[in-house]
Amino acid sequence: MPTYVYECKACEKVFEVEQRITADPLKDCDCGAEGQLRRLIQPVGIQFVGSGFHINDYKGSSGSAPTAPKAEAGACGTDSCACKTADAV
């Protein structure tokens, strides 16, 4: 059975109740306030286990950091770049 969290607007009490999905939401608080309860939405933790999930199948290698591509000799941005030697002349 799902667990729902309720909050009373009058006394600000927060509590959990196990209810069937088909059951109507509670409306009255134990403090005597009628119609002051509201159901709070709670985040749900999900863990994807096994193959077939993107997070498991395409995980990066944990041991190495990504490396930058090495510049070729004579490529732009290096000391032996053709455009740097042309500017110096």
Protein backbone atom coordinates (compact mmCIF):
# COMPACT_ATOMS: atom_id res chain seq x y z
CA MET A 1 0.00 0.00 0.00
CA PRO A 2 1.30 3.49 -0.79
CA THR A 3 2.28 5.87 2.00
CA TYR A 4 0.93 9.41 1.68
CA VAL A 5 2.15 12.48 3.54
CA TYR A 6 -0.41 14.97 4.83
CA GLU A 7 -0.06 18.43 6.34
CA CYS A 8 -2.66 20.25 8.43
CA LYS A 9 -3.06 23.92 7.49
CA ALA A 10 -4.35 24.76 10.98
CA CYS A 11 -1.78 23.14 13.31
CA GLU A 12 1.00 22.57 10.69
CA LYS A 13 1.34 18.93 11.76
CA VAL A 14 2.90 16.65 9.12
CA PHE A 15 2.23 12.90 9.21
CA GLU A 16 2.22 9.78 7.03
CA VAL A 17 -0.72 7.47 6.37
CA GLU A 18 -0.83 4.16 4.49
CA GLN A 19 -3.85 4.18 2.18
CA ARG A 20 -5.11 2.34 -0.83
CA ILE A 21 -4.75 4.17 -4.12
CA THR A 22 -8.52 4.06 -4.55
CA ALA A 23 -9.20 5.57 -1.09
CA ASP A 24 -10.30 9.21 -0.89
CA PRO A 25 -7.74 11.66 0.55
CA LEU A 26 -8.12 12.54 4.23
CA LYS A 27 -9.75 15.90 4.98
CA ASP A 28 -9.96 16.22 8.76
CA CYS A 29 -7.01 16.50 11.18
CA ASP A 30 -6.74 15.02 14.69
CA CYS A 31 -6.50 18.59 16.07
CA GLY A 32 -10.18 19.09 15.19
CA ALA A 33 -9.73 21.23 12.10
CA GLU A 34 -12.16 20.06 9.46
CA GLY A 35 -11.17 20.22 5.79
CA GLN A 36 -7.68 21.55 6.59
CA LEU A 37 -5.55 18.59 5.45
CA ARG A 38 -3.68 18.56 2.19
CA ARG A 39 -1.72 15.74 0.62
CA LEU A 40 1.94 16.56 -0.01
CA ILE A 41 3.81 15.27 -3.03
CA GLN A 42 7.04 13.47 -2.10
CA PRO A 43 10.02 12.70 -4.39
CA VAL A 44 10.59 9.06 -5.20
CA GLY A 45 14.05 7.51 -5.32
CA ILE A 46 14.65 5.30 -8.35
CA GLN A 47 17.70 3.21 -9.07
CA PHE A 48 18.14 1.65 -12.51
CA VAL A 49 19.89 -1.71 -12.23
CA GLY A 50 20.98 -4.03 -15.02
CA SER A 51 21.68 -3.69 -18.69
CA GLY A 52 19.45 -1.75 -21.01
CA PHE A 53 19.64 1.58 -19.17
CA HIS A 54 21.67 4.47 -20.57
CA ILE A 55 23.35 5.22 -17.22
CA ASN A 56 24.64 1.63 -16.97
CA ASP A 57 25.49 0.93 -20.61
CA TYR A 58 27.30 4.17 -21.48
CA LYS A 59 29.20 4.88 -18.31
CA GLY A 60 32.59 6.52 -18.83
CA SER A 61 35.72 4.77 -17.59
CA SER A 62 36.27 5.69 -13.96
CA GLY A 63 40.06 5.50 -13.92
CA SER A 64 41.14 8.03 -16.52
CA ALA A 65 40.30 11.64 -17.23
CA PRO A 66 39.55 12.71 -20.80
CA THR A 67 42.66 13.83 -22.64
CA ALA A 68 42.96 16.70 -25.10
CA PRO A 69 43.87 15.77 -28.68
CA LYS A 70 47.55 16.28 -29.49
CA ALA A 71 48.42 18.96 -32.05
CA GLU A 72 50.22 17.83 -35.16
CA ALA A 73 53.64 19.27 -36.01
CA GLY A 74 53.13 22.44 -38.01
CA ALA A 75 49.49 22.75 -36.97
CA CYS A 76 48.05 26.14 -36.15
CA GLY A 77 48.57 27.11 -32.51
CA THR A 78 51.99 25.44 -32.15
CA ASP A 79 55.39 27.17 -32.26
CA SER A 80 56.17 25.65 -35.66
CA CYS A 81 52.88 26.84 -37.16
CA ALA A 82 53.10 28.03 -40.78
CA CYS A 83 51.13 31.19 -40.03
CA LYS A 84 53.49 32.20 -37.17
CA THR A 85 56.59 31.74 -39.28
CA ALA A 86 55.01 33.75 -42.13
CA ASP A 87 54.23 36.63 -39.73
CA ALA A 88 57.80 36.68 -38.44
CA VAL A 89 59.28 37.15 -41.91
